[in-house]
Amino acid sequence: MCFSLAWFVQMLIILVVLCGVIAILRIWVFPMMGSVDARIPATINIVIWVIVCVFVIYLLADLIMCALGGGPWFPRIR
């Protein structure tokens, strides 16, 4: 099916990763004056938050699939 929960999960993950890449590019391409030293911790912070968001998306999708018992609209993600 085109609009299953697995499709929605993948779209959310793509969106989160894309937002993380854009945020990192904004830090490294358009630096503010005097913030050269703060770019590396900010990049690490963004990467950590992207990983946490992807984990939460997978966790919530798995909980929804378990709660609703699968079916044609919610195939198992494996």
PDB file of N, CA and C in Angstrom:
ATOM      1  N   MET A   1       0.836  -1.179   0.000  1.00  0.00           N
ATOM      2  CA  MET A   1       0.000   0.000   0.000  1.00  0.00           C
ATOM      3  C   MET A   1       0.883   1.246   0.000  1.00  0.00           C
ATOM      4  N   CYS A   2       0.433   2.259  -0.643  1.00  0.00           N
ATOM      5  CA  CYS A   2       1.225   3.484  -0.744  1.00  0.00           C
ATOM      6  C   CYS A   2       1.213   4.286   0.552  1.00  0.00           C
ATOM      7  N   PHE A   3       0.062   4.369   1.205  1.00  0.00           N
ATOM      8  CA  PHE A   3      -0.057   5.224   2.383  1.00  0.00           C
ATOM      9  C   PHE A   3      -0.221   4.384   3.644  1.00  0.00           C
ATOM     10  N   SER A   4       0.755   3.540   3.905  1.00  0.00           N
ATOM     11  CA  SER A   4       0.738   2.725   5.110  1.00  0.00           C
ATOM     12  C   SER A   4       1.530   3.444   6.205  1.00  0.00           C
ATOM     13  N   LEU A   5       1.552   2.848   7.377  1.00  0.00           N
ATOM     14  CA  LEU A   5       2.308   3.434   8.478  1.00  0.00           C
ATOM     15  C   LEU A   5       3.806   3.389   8.192  1.00  0.00           C
ATOM     16  N   ALA A   6       4.254   2.334   7.514  1.00  0.00           N
ATOM     17  CA  ALA A   6       5.678   2.239   7.172  1.00  0.00           C
ATOM     18  C   ALA A   6       6.082   3.370   6.231  1.00  0.00           C
ATOM     19  N   TRP A   7       5.214   3.696   5.287  1.00  0.00           N
ATOM     20  CA  TRP A   7       5.485   4.806   4.364  1.00  0.00           C
ATOM     21  C   TRP A   7       5.551   6.125   5.133  1.00  0.00           C
ATOM     22  N   PHE A   8       4.616   6.327   6.043  1.00  0.00           N
ATOM     23  CA  PHE A   8       4.575   7.553   6.841  1.00  0.00           C
ATOM     24  C   PHE A   8       5.813   7.673   7.730  1.00  0.00           C
ATOM     25  N   VAL A   9       6.251   6.552   8.307  1.00  0.00           N
ATOM     26  CA  VAL A   9       7.448   6.555   9.146  1.00  0.00           C
ATOM     27  C   VAL A   9       8.663   6.945   8.316  1.00  0.00           C
ATOM     28  N   GLN A  10       8.788   6.379   7.128  1.00  0.00           N
ATOM     29  CA  GLN A  10       9.933   6.715   6.277  1.00  0.00           C
ATOM     30  C   GLN A  10       9.908   8.177   5.855  1.00  0.00           C
ATOM     31  N   MET A  11       8.743   8.716   5.575  1.00  0.00           N
ATOM     32  CA  MET A  11       8.640  10.135   5.223  1.00  0.00           C
ATOM     33  C   MET A  11       9.038  11.021   6.400  1.00  0.00           C
ATOM     34  N   LEU A  12       8.626  10.667   7.607  1.00  0.00           N
ATOM     35  CA  LEU A  12       9.012  11.441   8.786  1.00  0.00           C
ATOM     36  C   LEU A  12      10.520  11.392   9.015  1.00  0.00           C
ATOM     37  N   ILE A  13      11.123  10.221   8.819  1.00  0.00           N
ATOM     38  CA  ILE A  13      12.564  10.092   9.008  1.00  0.00           C
ATOM     39  C   ILE A  13      13.315  10.912   7.966  1.00  0.00           C
ATOM     40  N   ILE A  14      12.866  10.864   6.723  1.00  0.00           N
ATOM     41  CA  ILE A  14      13.491  11.674   5.673  1.00  0.00           C
ATOM     42  C   ILE A  14      13.384  13.151   6.017  1.00  0.00           C
ATOM     43  N   LEU A  15      12.233  13.580   6.519  1.00  0.00           N
ATOM     44  CA  LEU A  15      12.034  14.979   6.894  1.00  0.00           C
ATOM     45  C   LEU A  15      12.957  15.387   8.042  1.00  0.00           C
ATOM     46  N   VAL A  16      13.105  14.532   9.055  1.00  0.00           N
ATOM     47  CA  VAL A  16      13.972  14.840  10.192  1.00  0.00           C
ATOM     48  C   VAL A  16      15.432  14.935   9.747  1.00  0.00           C
ATOM     49  N   VAL A  17      15.877  13.985   8.927  1.00  0.00           N
ATOM     50  CA  VAL A  17      17.263  14.006   8.454  1.00  0.00           C
ATOM     51  C   VAL A  17      17.507  15.219   7.570  1.00  0.00           C
ATOM     52  N   LEU A  18      16.561  15.538   6.715  1.00  0.00           N
ATOM     53  CA  LEU A  18      16.701  16.708   5.851  1.00  0.00           C
ATOM     54  C   LEU A  18      16.786  17.995   6.673  1.00  0.00           C
ATOM     55  N   CYS A  19      15.956  18.115   7.692  1.00  0.00           N
ATOM     56  CA  CYS A  19      16.027  19.297   8.560  1.00  0.00           C
ATOM     57  C   CYS A  19      17.360  19.369   9.293  1.00  0.00           C
ATOM     58  N   GLY A  20      17.879  18.222   9.723  1.00  0.00           N
ATOM     59  CA  GLY A  20      19.189  18.200  10.379  1.00  0.00           C
ATOM     60  C   GLY A  20      20.303  18.625   9.442  1.00  0.00           C
ATOM     61  N   VAL A  21      20.265  18.153   8.200  1.00  0.00           N
ATOM     62  CA  VAL A  21      21.285  18.535   7.215  1.00  0.00           C
ATOM     63  C   VAL A  21      21.208  20.029   6.916  1.00  0.00           C
ATOM     64  N   ILE A  22      20.006  20.558   6.776  1.00  0.00           N
ATOM     65  CA  ILE A  22      19.843  21.995   6.524  1.00  0.00           C
ATOM     66  C   ILE A  22      20.364  22.811   7.709  1.00  0.00           C
ATOM     67  N   ALA A  23      20.085  22.359   8.928  1.00  0.00           N
ATOM     68  CA  ALA A  23      20.582  23.083  10.117  1.00  0.00           C
ATOM     69  C   ALA A  23      22.102  23.065  10.172  1.00  0.00           C
ATOM     70  N   ILE A  24      22.704  21.922   9.857  1.00  0.00           N
ATOM     71  CA  ILE A  24      24.170  21.846   9.867  1.00  0.00           C
ATOM     72  C   ILE A  24      24.761  22.733   8.777  1.00  0.00           C
ATOM     73  N   LEU A  25      24.151  22.732   7.603  1.00  0.00           N
ATOM     74  CA  LEU A  25      24.637  23.598   6.532  1.00  0.00           C
ATOM     75  C   LEU A  25      24.520  25.075   6.896  1.00  0.00           C
ATOM     76  N   ARG A  26      23.447  25.438   7.582  1.00  0.00           N
ATOM     77  CA  ARG A  26      23.299  26.838   7.996  1.00  0.00           C
ATOM     78  C   ARG A  26      24.369  27.238   8.997  1.00  0.00           C
ATOM     79  N   ILE A  27      24.793  26.294   9.831  1.00  0.00           N
ATOM     80  CA  ILE A  27      25.847  26.593  10.797  1.00  0.00           C
ATOM     81  C   ILE A  27      27.192  26.754  10.099  1.00  0.00           C
ATOM     82  N   TRP A  28      27.495  25.872   9.156  1.00  0.00           N
ATOM     83  CA  TRP A  28      28.828  25.867   8.547  1.00  0.00           C
ATOM     84  C   TRP A  28      28.944  26.805   7.360  1.00  0.00           C
ATOM     85  N   VAL A  29      27.854  27.064   6.638  1.00  0.00           N
ATOM     86  CA  VAL A  29      27.932  27.924   5.456  1.00  0.00           C
ATOM     87  C   VAL A  29      27.744  29.387   5.815  1.00  0.00           C
ATOM     88  N   PHE A  30      26.844  29.663   6.745  1.00  0.00           N
ATOM     89  CA  PHE A  30      26.555  31.041   7.137  1.00  0.00           C
ATOM     90  C   PHE A  30      26.929  31.273   8.596  1.00  0.00           C
ATOM     91  N   PRO A  31      28.221  31.266   8.929  1.00  0.00           N
ATOM     92  CA  PRO A  31      28.589  31.457  10.341  1.00  0.00           C
ATOM     93  C   PRO A  31      28.402  32.909  10.779  1.00  0.00           C
ATOM     94  N   MET A  32      27.999  33.069  12.031  1.00  0.00           N
ATOM     95  CA  MET A  32      27.895  34.411  12.597  1.00  0.00           C
ATOM     96  C   MET A  32      29.275  34.873  13.041  1.00  0.00           C
ATOM     97  N   MET A  33      29.431  36.149  13.169  1.00  0.00           N
ATOM     98  CA  MET A  33      30.721  36.700  13.570  1.00  0.00           C
ATOM     99  C   MET A  33      31.073  36.228  14.980  1.00  0.00           C
ATOM    100  N   GLY A  34      32.257  35.699  15.157  1.00  0.00           N
ATOM    101  CA  GLY A  34      32.729  35.296  16.472  1.00  0.00           C
ATOM    102  C   GLY A  34      32.235  33.958  16.961  1.00  0.00           C
ATOM    103  N   SER A  35      31.520  33.194  16.131  1.00  0.00           N
ATOM    104  CA  SER A  35      30.993  31.915  16.602  1.00  0.00           C
ATOM    105  C   SER A  35      31.700  30.732  15.950  1.00  0.00           C
ATOM    106  N   VAL A  36      32.943  30.920  15.590  1.00  0.00           N
ATOM    107  CA  VAL A  36      33.693  29.849  14.931  1.00  0.00           C
ATOM    108  C   VAL A  36      33.885  28.662  15.876  1.00  0.00           C
ATOM    109  N   ASP A  37      34.156  28.914  17.135  1.00  0.00           N
ATOM    110  CA  ASP A  37      34.399  27.832  18.088  1.00  0.00           C
ATOM    111  C   ASP A  37      33.125  27.093  18.475  1.00  0.00           C
ATOM    112  N   ALA A  38      31.975  27.699  18.299  1.00  0.00           N
ATOM    113  CA  ALA A  38      30.712  27.075  18.712  1.00  0.00           C
ATOM    114  C   ALA A  38      30.105  26.194  17.623  1.00  0.00           C
ATOM    115  N   ARG A  39      30.737  26.126  16.462  1.00  0.00           N
ATOM    116  CA  ARG A  39      30.149  25.346  15.378  1.00  0.00           C
ATOM    117  C   ARG A  39      30.230  23.843  15.618  1.00  0.00           C
ATOM    118  N   ILE A  40      31.323  23.355  16.175  1.00  0.00           N
ATOM    119  CA  ILE A  40      31.480  21.913  16.377  1.00  0.00           C
ATOM    120  C   ILE A  40      30.509  21.379  17.439  1.00  0.00           C
ATOM    121  N   PRO A  41      30.389  22.008  18.609  1.00  0.00           N
ATOM    122  CA  PRO A  41      29.392  21.516  19.573  1.00  0.00           C
ATOM    123  C   PRO A  41      27.955  21.629  19.053  1.00  0.00           C
ATOM    124  N   ALA A  42      27.671  22.676  18.285  1.00  0.00           N
ATOM    125  CA  ALA A  42      26.328  22.817  17.729  1.00  0.00           C
ATOM    126  C   ALA A  42      26.034  21.706  16.720  1.00  0.00           C
ATOM    127  N   THR A  43      27.027  21.341  15.927  1.00  0.00           N
ATOM    128  CA  THR A  43      26.856  20.247  14.967  1.00  0.00           C
ATOM    129  C   THR A  43      26.636  18.924  15.685  1.00  0.00           C
ATOM    130  N   ILE A  44      27.399  18.672  16.735  1.00  0.00           N
ATOM    131  CA  ILE A  44      27.219  17.446  17.515  1.00  0.00           C
ATOM    132  C   ILE A  44      25.838  17.415  18.155  1.00  0.00           C
ATOM    133  N   ASN A  45      25.387  18.550  18.646  1.00  0.00           N
ATOM    134  CA  ASN A  45      24.057  18.643  19.250  1.00  0.00           C
ATOM    135  C   ASN A  45      22.967  18.328  18.228  1.00  0.00           C
ATOM    136  N   ILE A  46      23.093  18.843  17.026  1.00  0.00           N
ATOM    137  CA  ILE A  46      22.106  18.573  15.981  1.00  0.00           C
ATOM    138  C   ILE A  46      22.093  17.094  15.622  1.00  0.00           C
ATOM    139  N   VAL A  47      23.267  16.489  15.481  1.00  0.00           N
ATOM    140  CA  VAL A  47      23.342  15.067  15.139  1.00  0.00           C
ATOM    141  C   VAL A  47      22.711  14.212  16.236  1.00  0.00           C
ATOM    142  N   ILE A  48      22.965  14.547  17.491  1.00  0.00           N
ATOM    143  CA  ILE A  48      22.367  13.797  18.597  1.00  0.00           C
ATOM    144  C   ILE A  48      20.848  13.917  18.572  1.00  0.00           C
ATOM    145  N   TRP A  49      20.315  15.117  18.326  1.00  0.00           N
ATOM    146  CA  TRP A  49      18.870  15.295  18.292  1.00  0.00           C
ATOM    147  C   TRP A  49      18.232  14.591  17.097  1.00  0.00           C
ATOM    148  N   VAL A  50      18.924  14.526  15.976  1.00  0.00           N
ATOM    149  CA  VAL A  50      18.388  13.776  14.828  1.00  0.00           C
ATOM    150  C   VAL A  50      18.305  12.295  15.175  1.00  0.00           C
ATOM    151  N   ILE A  51      19.333  11.758  15.819  1.00  0.00           N
ATOM    152  CA  ILE A  51      19.314  10.350  16.212  1.00  0.00           C
ATOM    153  C   ILE A  51      18.186  10.082  17.202  1.00  0.00           C
ATOM    154  N   VAL A  52      18.000  10.962  18.175  1.00  0.00           N
ATOM    155  CA  VAL A  52      16.926  10.796  19.156  1.00  0.00           C
ATOM    156  C   VAL A  52      15.557  10.859  18.475  1.00  0.00           C
ATOM    157  N   CYS A  53      15.368  11.789  17.564  1.00  0.00           N
ATOM    158  CA  CYS A  53      14.081  11.909  16.872  1.00  0.00           C
ATOM    159  C   CYS A  53      13.778  10.684  16.020  1.00  0.00           C
ATOM    160  N   VAL A  54      14.765  10.154  15.334  1.00  0.00           N
ATOM    161  CA  VAL A  54      14.553   8.944  14.532  1.00  0.00           C
ATOM    162  C   VAL A  54      14.191   7.769  15.442  1.00  0.00           C
ATOM    163  N   PHE A  55      14.861   7.646  16.571  1.00  0.00           N
ATOM    164  CA  PHE A  55      14.542   6.581  17.524  1.00  0.00           C
ATOM    165  C   PHE A  55      13.105   6.715  18.037  1.00  0.00           C
ATOM    166  N   VAL A  56      12.697   7.923  18.375  1.00  0.00           N
ATOM    167  CA  VAL A  56      11.333   8.147  18.884  1.00  0.00           C
ATOM    168  C   VAL A  56      10.299   7.838  17.805  1.00  0.00           C
ATOM    169  N   ILE A  57      10.583   8.188  16.561  1.00  0.00           N
ATOM    170  CA  ILE A  57       9.650   7.881  15.469  1.00  0.00           C
ATOM    171  C   ILE A  57       9.481   6.372  15.329  1.00  0.00           C
ATOM    172  N   TYR A  58      10.595   5.618  15.330  1.00  0.00           N
ATOM    173  CA  TYR A  58      10.495   4.168  15.246  1.00  0.00           C
ATOM    174  C   TYR A  58       9.771   3.582  16.452  1.00  0.00           C
ATOM    175  N   LEU A  59      10.043   4.091  17.633  1.00  0.00           N
ATOM    176  CA  LEU A  59       9.403   3.587  18.839  1.00  0.00           C
ATOM    177  C   LEU A  59       7.894   3.835  18.805  1.00  0.00           C
ATOM    178  N   LEU A  60       7.480   5.040  18.457  1.00  0.00           N
ATOM    179  CA  LEU A  60       6.056   5.345  18.398  1.00  0.00           C
ATOM    180  C   LEU A  60       5.353   4.542  17.308  1.00  0.00           C
ATOM    181  N   ALA A  61       6.001   4.361  16.165  1.00  0.00           N
ATOM    182  CA  ALA A  61       5.395   3.559  15.097  1.00  0.00           C
ATOM    183  C   ALA A  61       5.213   2.117  15.559  1.00  0.00           C
ATOM    184  N   ASP A  62       6.198   1.570  16.262  1.00  0.00           N
ATOM    185  CA  ASP A  62       6.078   0.202  16.762  1.00  0.00           C
ATOM    186  C   ASP A  62       4.970   0.092  17.802  1.00  0.00           C
ATOM    187  N   LEU A  63       4.854   1.086  18.682  1.00  0.00           N
ATOM    188  CA  LEU A  63       3.779   1.061  19.680  1.00  0.00           C
ATOM    189  C   LEU A  63       2.407   1.168  19.029  1.00  0.00           C
ATOM    190  N   ILE A  64       2.283   1.991  17.997  1.00  0.00           N
ATOM    191  CA  ILE A  64       1.002   2.097  17.281  1.00  0.00           C
ATOM    192  C   ILE A  64       0.657   0.780  16.602  1.00  0.00           C
ATOM    193  N   MET A  65       1.658   0.143  15.978  1.00  0.00           N
ATOM    194  CA  MET A  65       1.400  -1.133  15.315  1.00  0.00           C
ATOM    195  C   MET A  65       1.011  -2.211  16.319  1.00  0.00           C
ATOM    196  N   CYS A  66       1.637  -2.218  17.479  1.00  0.00           N
ATOM    197  CA  CYS A  66       1.276  -3.203  18.502  1.00  0.00           C
ATOM    198  C   CYS A  66      -0.110  -2.923  19.074  1.00  0.00           C
ATOM    199  N   ALA A  67      -0.445  -1.660  19.277  1.00  0.00           N
ATOM    200  CA  ALA A  67      -1.737  -1.310  19.865  1.00  0.00           C
ATOM    201  C   ALA A  67      -2.892  -1.610  18.916  1.00  0.00           C
ATOM    202  N   LEU A  68      -2.681  -1.385  17.628  1.00  0.00           N
ATOM    203  CA  LEU A  68      -3.760  -1.588  16.669  1.00  0.00           C
ATOM    204  C   LEU A  68      -3.746  -2.976  16.040  1.00  0.00           C
ATOM    205  N   GLY A  69      -2.737  -3.753  16.328  1.00  0.00           N
ATOM    206  CA  GLY A  69      -2.717  -5.135  15.883  1.00  0.00           C
ATOM    207  C   GLY A  69      -2.410  -5.347  14.419  1.00  0.00           C
ATOM    208  N   GLY A  70      -1.761  -4.424  13.795  1.00  0.00           N
ATOM    209  CA  GLY A  70      -1.383  -4.600  12.388  1.00  0.00           C
ATOM    210  C   GLY A  70      -2.554  -4.346  11.463  1.00  0.00           C
ATOM    211  N   GLY A  71      -2.840  -5.295  10.572  1.00  0.00           N
ATOM    212  CA  GLY A  71      -3.904  -5.126   9.598  1.00  0.00           C
ATOM    213  C   GLY A  71      -3.355  -4.585   8.284  1.00  0.00           C
ATOM    214  N   PRO A  72      -4.209  -4.351   7.304  1.00  0.00           N
ATOM    215  CA  PRO A  72      -3.712  -3.911   5.988  1.00  0.00           C
ATOM    216  C   PRO A  72      -3.141  -2.503   5.998  1.00  0.00           C
ATOM    217  N   TRP A  73      -3.594  -1.638   6.910  1.00  0.00           N
ATOM    218  CA  TRP A  73      -3.095  -0.272   6.950  1.00  0.00           C
ATOM    219  C   TRP A  73      -1.822  -0.136   7.767  1.00  0.00           C
ATOM    220  N   PHE A  74      -1.543  -1.117   8.617  1.00  0.00           N
ATOM    221  CA  PHE A  74      -0.371  -1.063   9.500  1.00  0.00           C
ATOM    222  C   PHE A  74       0.470  -2.319   9.370  1.00  0.00           C
ATOM    223  N   PRO A  75       1.189  -2.528   8.283  1.00  0.00           N
ATOM    224  CA  PRO A  75       2.044  -3.725   8.179  1.00  0.00           C
ATOM    225  C   PRO A  75       3.248  -3.602   9.112  1.00  0.00           C
ATOM    226  N   ARG A  76       3.769  -4.728   9.539  1.00  0.00           N
ATOM    227  CA  ARG A  76       4.918  -4.728  10.438  1.00  0.00           C
ATOM    228  C   ARG A  76       6.138  -4.192   9.721  1.00  0.00           C
ATOM    229  N   ILE A  77       6.944  -3.388  10.413  1.00  0.00           N
ATOM    230  CA  ILE A  77       8.205  -2.890   9.865  1.00  0.00           C
ATOM    231  C   ILE A  77       9.305  -3.796  10.390  1.00  0.00           C
ATOM    232  N   ARG A  78       9.995  -4.461   9.492  1.00  0.00           N
ATOM    233  CA  ARG A  78      11.090  -5.349   9.911  1.00  0.00           C
ATOM    234  C   ARG A  78      12.241  -5.178   8.992  1.00  0.00           C
TER     235      ARG A  78
END
